[in-house]
Amino acid sequence: TARTLGKVMMESGSASTVTYDNKGGA
């Protein structure tokens, strides 16, 4: 979901770049 949203936000012009941080647990 996060990576799809980030990709679409860049394609739509909502964001110029998107970075991701995975932190799993609990």
PDB file of all heavy atoms in Angstrom:
ATOM      1  N   THR A   1       0.830  -1.207   0.000  1.00  0.00           N
ATOM      2  CA  THR A   1       0.000   0.000   0.000  1.00  0.00           C
ATOM      3  C   THR A   1       0.862   1.255   0.000  1.00  0.00           C
ATOM      4  O   THR A   1       0.637   2.183  -0.790  1.00  0.00           O
ATOM      5  CB  THR A   1      -0.927   0.019   1.229  1.00  0.00           C
ATOM      6  OG1 THR A   1      -1.786  -1.128   1.194  1.00  0.00           O
ATOM      7  CG2 THR A   1      -1.770   1.284   1.268  1.00  0.00           C
ATOM      8  N   ALA A   2       1.866   1.299   0.877  1.00  0.00           N
ATOM      9  CA  ALA A   2       2.719   2.489   0.992  1.00  0.00           C
ATOM     10  C   ALA A   2       3.480   2.751  -0.298  1.00  0.00           C
ATOM     11  O   ALA A   2       3.526   3.890  -0.788  1.00  0.00           O
ATOM     12  CB  ALA A   2       3.696   2.317   2.146  1.00  0.00           C
ATOM     13  N   ARG A   3       4.069   1.714  -0.860  1.00  0.00           N
ATOM     14  CA  ARG A   3       4.889   1.908  -2.067  1.00  0.00           C
ATOM     15  C   ARG A   3       4.029   2.217  -3.289  1.00  0.00           C
ATOM     16  O   ARG A   3       4.448   2.967  -4.172  1.00  0.00           O
ATOM     17  CB  ARG A   3       5.783   0.675  -2.286  1.00  0.00           C
ATOM     18  CG  ARG A   3       6.834   0.532  -1.183  1.00  0.00           C
ATOM     19  CD  ARG A   3       7.705  -0.711  -1.299  1.00  0.00           C
ATOM     20  NE  ARG A   3       8.495  -0.883  -0.084  1.00  0.00           N
ATOM     21  CZ  ARG A   3       9.662  -0.268   0.146  1.00  0.00           C
ATOM     22  NH1 ARG A   3      10.174   0.538  -0.781  1.00  0.00           N
ATOM     23  NH2 ARG A   3      10.313  -0.469   1.279  1.00  0.00           N
ATOM     24  N   THR A   4       2.831   1.660  -3.324  1.00  0.00           N
ATOM     25  CA  THR A   4       1.912   1.999  -4.413  1.00  0.00           C
ATOM     26  C   THR A   4       1.461   3.442  -4.298  1.00  0.00           C
ATOM     27  O   THR A   4       1.451   4.192  -5.284  1.00  0.00           O
ATOM     28  CB  THR A   4       0.689   1.063  -4.403  1.00  0.00           C
ATOM     29  OG1 THR A   4       1.115  -0.292  -4.527  1.00  0.00           O
ATOM     30  CG2 THR A   4      -0.257   1.393  -5.547  1.00  0.00           C
ATOM     31  N   LEU A   5       1.089   3.851  -3.082  1.00  0.00           N
ATOM     32  CA  LEU A   5       0.662   5.238  -2.873  1.00  0.00           C
ATOM     33  C   LEU A   5       1.789   6.203  -3.206  1.00  0.00           C
ATOM     34  O   LEU A   5       1.571   7.214  -3.891  1.00  0.00           O
ATOM     35  CB  LEU A   5       0.213   5.435  -1.430  1.00  0.00           C
ATOM     36  CG  LEU A   5      -0.246   6.860  -1.066  1.00  0.00           C
ATOM     37  CD1 LEU A   5      -1.488   7.248  -1.854  1.00  0.00           C
ATOM     38  CD2 LEU A   5      -0.505   6.982   0.440  1.00  0.00           C
ATOM     39  N   GLY A   6       3.003   5.907  -2.736  1.00  0.00           N
ATOM     40  CA  GLY A   6       4.134   6.785  -3.025  1.00  0.00           C
ATOM     41  C   GLY A   6       4.391   6.931  -4.511  1.00  0.00           C
ATOM     42  O   GLY A   6       4.629   8.043  -5.019  1.00  0.00           O
ATOM     43  N   LYS A   7       4.331   5.836  -5.229  1.00  0.00           N
ATOM     44  CA  LYS A   7       4.550   5.857  -6.684  1.00  0.00           C
ATOM     45  C   LYS A   7       3.496   6.714  -7.378  1.00  0.00           C
ATOM     46  O   LYS A   7       3.806   7.547  -8.246  1.00  0.00           O
ATOM     47  CB  LYS A   7       4.513   4.424  -7.209  1.00  0.00           C
ATOM     48  CG  LYS A   7       4.700   4.276  -8.712  1.00  0.00           C
ATOM     49  CD  LYS A   7       4.782   2.795  -9.090  1.00  0.00           C
ATOM     50  CE  LYS A   7       4.937   2.600 -10.596  1.00  0.00           C
ATOM     51  NZ  LYS A   7       3.702   2.908 -11.330  1.00  0.00           N
ATOM     52  N   VAL A   8       2.235   6.519  -6.969  1.00  0.00           N
ATOM     53  CA  VAL A   8       1.141   7.270  -7.587  1.00  0.00           C
ATOM     54  C   VAL A   8       1.221   8.749  -7.217  1.00  0.00           C
ATOM     55  O   VAL A   8       0.910   9.629  -8.035  1.00  0.00           O
ATOM     56  CB  VAL A   8      -0.220   6.669  -7.184  1.00  0.00           C
ATOM     57  CG1 VAL A   8      -1.368   7.529  -7.696  1.00  0.00           C
ATOM     58  CG2 VAL A   8      -0.356   5.248  -7.728  1.00  0.00           C
ATOM     59  N   MET A   9       1.660   9.058  -6.012  1.00  0.00           N
ATOM     60  CA  MET A   9       1.799  10.463  -5.612  1.00  0.00           C
ATOM     61  C   MET A   9       2.854  11.173  -6.453  1.00  0.00           C
ATOM     62  O   MET A   9       2.698  12.339  -6.807  1.00  0.00           O
ATOM     63  CB  MET A   9       2.126  10.567  -4.116  1.00  0.00           C
ATOM     64  CG  MET A   9       0.956  10.190  -3.225  1.00  0.00           C
ATOM     65  SD  MET A   9       1.293  10.322  -1.449  1.00  0.00           S
ATOM     66  CE  MET A   9       1.043  12.075  -1.177  1.00  0.00           C
ATOM     67  N   MET A  10       3.929  10.459  -6.780  1.00  0.00           N
ATOM     68  CA  MET A  10       4.938  11.060  -7.656  1.00  0.00           C
ATOM     69  C   MET A  10       4.398  11.228  -9.075  1.00  0.00           C
ATOM     70  O   MET A  10       4.590  12.260  -9.715  1.00  0.00           O
ATOM     71  CB  MET A  10       6.209  10.216  -7.648  1.00  0.00           C
ATOM     72  CG  MET A  10       7.025  10.348  -6.371  1.00  0.00           C
ATOM     73  SD  MET A  10       8.665   9.578  -6.461  1.00  0.00           S
ATOM     74  CE  MET A  10       8.211   7.833  -6.401  1.00  0.00           C
ATOM     75  N   GLU A  11       3.689  10.214  -9.565  1.00  0.00           N
ATOM     76  CA  GLU A  11       3.133  10.285 -10.921  1.00  0.00           C
ATOM     77  C   GLU A  11       2.105  11.400 -11.053  1.00  0.00           C
ATOM     78  O   GLU A  11       2.005  12.048 -12.093  1.00  0.00           O
ATOM     79  CB  GLU A  11       2.478   8.949 -11.276  1.00  0.00           C
ATOM     80  CG  GLU A  11       3.452   7.804 -11.479  1.00  0.00           C
ATOM     81  CD  GLU A  11       2.754   6.475 -11.692  1.00  0.00           C
ATOM     82  OE1 GLU A  11       1.506   6.404 -11.530  1.00  0.00           O
ATOM     83  OE2 GLU A  11       3.447   5.498 -12.012  1.00  0.00           O
ATOM     84  N   SER A  12       1.342  11.628  -9.976  1.00  0.00           N
ATOM     85  CA  SER A  12       0.288  12.638 -10.030  1.00  0.00           C
ATOM     86  C   SER A  12       0.807  14.048  -9.748  1.00  0.00           C
ATOM     87  O   SER A  12       0.048  15.017  -9.847  1.00  0.00           O
ATOM     88  CB  SER A  12      -0.808  12.288  -9.013  1.00  0.00           C
ATOM     89  OG  SER A  12      -0.318  12.395  -7.686  1.00  0.00           O
ATOM     90  N   GLY A  13       2.068  14.165  -9.356  1.00  0.00           N
ATOM     91  CA  GLY A  13       2.641  15.472  -9.057  1.00  0.00           C
ATOM     92  C   GLY A  13       2.435  15.908  -7.625  1.00  0.00           C
ATOM     93  O   GLY A  13       2.791  17.035  -7.261  1.00  0.00           O
ATOM     94  N   SER A  14       1.891  15.049  -6.788  1.00  0.00           N
ATOM     95  CA  SER A  14       1.699  15.407  -5.377  1.00  0.00           C
ATOM     96  C   SER A  14       3.020  15.463  -4.620  1.00  0.00           C
ATOM     97  O   SER A  14       3.121  16.138  -3.610  1.00  0.00           O
ATOM     98  CB  SER A  14       0.786  14.379  -4.691  1.00  0.00           C
ATOM     99  OG  SER A  14      -0.529  14.495  -5.159  1.00  0.00           O
ATOM    100  N   ALA A  15       3.998  14.696  -5.076  1.00  0.00           N
ATOM    101  CA  ALA A  15       5.306  14.665  -4.423  1.00  0.00           C
ATOM    102  C   ALA A  15       6.397  14.542  -5.476  1.00  0.00           C
ATOM    103  O   ALA A  15       6.197  13.909  -6.513  1.00  0.00           O
ATOM    104  CB  ALA A  15       5.383  13.488  -3.463  1.00  0.00           C
ATOM    105  N   SER A  16       7.539  15.148  -5.196  1.00  0.00           N
ATOM    106  CA  SER A  16       8.659  15.038  -6.136  1.00  0.00           C
ATOM    107  C   SER A  16       9.460  13.773  -5.892  1.00  0.00           C
ATOM    108  O   SER A  16       9.878  13.095  -6.819  1.00  0.00           O
ATOM    109  CB  SER A  16       9.565  16.270  -6.043  1.00  0.00           C
ATOM    110  OG  SER A  16      10.011  16.455  -4.712  1.00  0.00           O
ATOM    111  N   THR A  17       9.659  13.430  -4.617  1.00  0.00           N
ATOM    112  CA  THR A  17      10.331  12.183  -4.271  1.00  0.00           C
ATOM    113  C   THR A  17       9.633  11.573  -3.052  1.00  0.00           C
ATOM    114  O   THR A  17       9.010  12.282  -2.257  1.00  0.00           O
ATOM    115  CB  THR A  17      11.820  12.387  -3.918  1.00  0.00           C
ATOM    116  OG1 THR A  17      11.919  13.189  -2.738  1.00  0.00           O
ATOM    117  CG2 THR A  17      12.588  13.030  -5.057  1.00  0.00           C
ATOM    118  N   VAL A  18       9.738  10.261  -2.927  1.00  0.00           N
ATOM    119  CA  VAL A  18       9.183   9.563  -1.766  1.00  0.00           C
ATOM    120  C   VAL A  18      10.206   8.534  -1.300  1.00  0.00           C
ATOM    121  O   VAL A  18      10.723   7.753  -2.098  1.00  0.00           O
ATOM    122  CB  VAL A  18       7.863   8.840  -2.097  1.00  0.00           C
ATOM    123  CG1 VAL A  18       7.320   8.135  -0.855  1.00  0.00           C
ATOM    124  CG2 VAL A  18       6.821   9.813  -2.635  1.00  0.00           C
ATOM    125  N   THR A  19      10.514   8.553  -0.011  1.00  0.00           N
ATOM    126  CA  THR A  19      11.393   7.539   0.571  1.00  0.00           C
ATOM    127  C   THR A  19      10.587   6.715   1.572  1.00  0.00           C
ATOM    128  O   THR A  19       9.563   7.178   2.086  1.00  0.00           O
ATOM    129  CB  THR A  19      12.603   8.171   1.277  1.00  0.00           C
ATOM    130  OG1 THR A  19      12.141   9.089   2.285  1.00  0.00           O
ATOM    131  CG2 THR A  19      13.486   8.920   0.282  1.00  0.00           C
ATOM    132  N   TYR A  20      11.057   5.499   1.837  1.00  0.00           N
ATOM    133  CA  TYR A  20      10.309   4.574   2.684  1.00  0.00           C
ATOM    134  C   TYR A  20      11.204   4.045   3.801  1.00  0.00           C
ATOM    135  O   TYR A  20      12.396   3.848   3.610  1.00  0.00           O
ATOM    136  CB  TYR A  20       9.791   3.395   1.854  1.00  0.00           C
ATOM    137  CG  TYR A  20       9.041   3.819   0.617  1.00  0.00           C
ATOM    138  CD1 TYR A  20       9.701   3.937  -0.613  1.00  0.00           C
ATOM    139  CD2 TYR A  20       7.680   4.113   0.660  1.00  0.00           C
ATOM    140  CE1 TYR A  20       9.030   4.339  -1.749  1.00  0.00           C
ATOM    141  CE2 TYR A  20       6.996   4.520  -0.472  1.00  0.00           C
ATOM    142  CZ  TYR A  20       7.675   4.632  -1.687  1.00  0.00           C
ATOM    143  OH  TYR A  20       7.010   5.036  -2.814  1.00  0.00           O
ATOM    144  N   ASP A  21      10.577   3.797   4.948  1.00  0.00           N
ATOM    145  CA  ASP A  21      11.303   3.242   6.087  1.00  0.00           C
ATOM    146  C   ASP A  21      10.480   2.109   6.679  1.00  0.00           C
ATOM    147  O   ASP A  21       9.399   2.346   7.217  1.00  0.00           O
ATOM    148  CB  ASP A  21      11.541   4.338   7.132  1.00  0.00           C
ATOM    149  CG  ASP A  21      12.389   3.860   8.310  1.00  0.00           C
ATOM    150  OD1 ASP A  21      12.970   2.758   8.216  1.00  0.00           O
ATOM    151  OD2 ASP A  21      12.473   4.592   9.319  1.00  0.00           O
ATOM    152  N   ASN A  22      10.960   0.877   6.529  1.00  0.00           N
ATOM    153  CA  ASN A  22      10.274  -0.279   7.110  1.00  0.00           C
ATOM    154  C   ASN A  22      10.740  -0.510   8.540  1.00  0.00           C
ATOM    155  O   ASN A  22      11.932  -0.572   8.804  1.00  0.00           O
ATOM    156  CB  ASN A  22      10.551  -1.545   6.304  1.00  0.00           C
ATOM    157  CG  ASN A  22       9.815  -1.584   4.981  1.00  0.00           C
ATOM    158  OD1 ASN A  22      10.293  -1.052   3.982  1.00  0.00           O
ATOM    159  ND2 ASN A  22       8.658  -2.208   4.970  1.00  0.00           N
ATOM    160  N   LYS A  23       9.783  -0.618   9.462  1.00  0.00           N
ATOM    161  CA  LYS A  23      10.096  -0.909  10.860  1.00  0.00           C
ATOM    162  C   LYS A  23       9.018  -1.846  11.385  1.00  0.00           C
ATOM    163  O   LYS A  23       7.959  -1.415  11.856  1.00  0.00           O
ATOM    164  CB  LYS A  23      10.133   0.384  11.679  1.00  0.00           C
ATOM    165  CG  LYS A  23      10.457   0.202  13.161  1.00  0.00           C
ATOM    166  CD  LYS A  23      11.885  -0.222  13.379  1.00  0.00           C
ATOM    167  CE  LYS A  23      12.232  -0.271  14.858  1.00  0.00           C
ATOM    168  NZ  LYS A  23      13.624  -0.725  15.079  1.00  0.00           N
ATOM    169  N   GLY A  24       9.269  -3.159  11.277  1.00  0.00           N
ATOM    170  CA  GLY A  24       8.260  -4.130  11.669  1.00  0.00           C
ATOM    171  C   GLY A  24       8.300  -4.479  13.140  1.00  0.00           C
ATOM    172  O   GLY A  24       9.271  -4.211  13.839  1.00  0.00           O
ATOM    173  N   GLY A  25       7.213  -5.099  13.601  1.00  0.00           N
ATOM    174  CA  GLY A  25       7.158  -5.600  14.970  1.00  0.00           C
ATOM    175  C   GLY A  25       5.995  -5.075  15.764  1.00  0.00           C
ATOM    176  O   GLY A  25       5.578  -3.925  15.597  1.00  0.00           O
ATOM    177  N   ALA A  26       5.440  -5.941  16.618  1.00  0.00           N
ATOM    178  CA  ALA A  26       4.382  -5.573  17.577  1.00  0.00           C
ATOM    179  C   ALA A  26       3.163  -4.966  16.893  1.00  0.00           C
ATOM    180  O   ALA A  26       2.606  -3.973  17.349  1.00  0.00           O
ATOM    181  CB  ALA A  26       4.936  -4.612  18.632  1.00  0.00           C
TER     182      ALA A  26
END
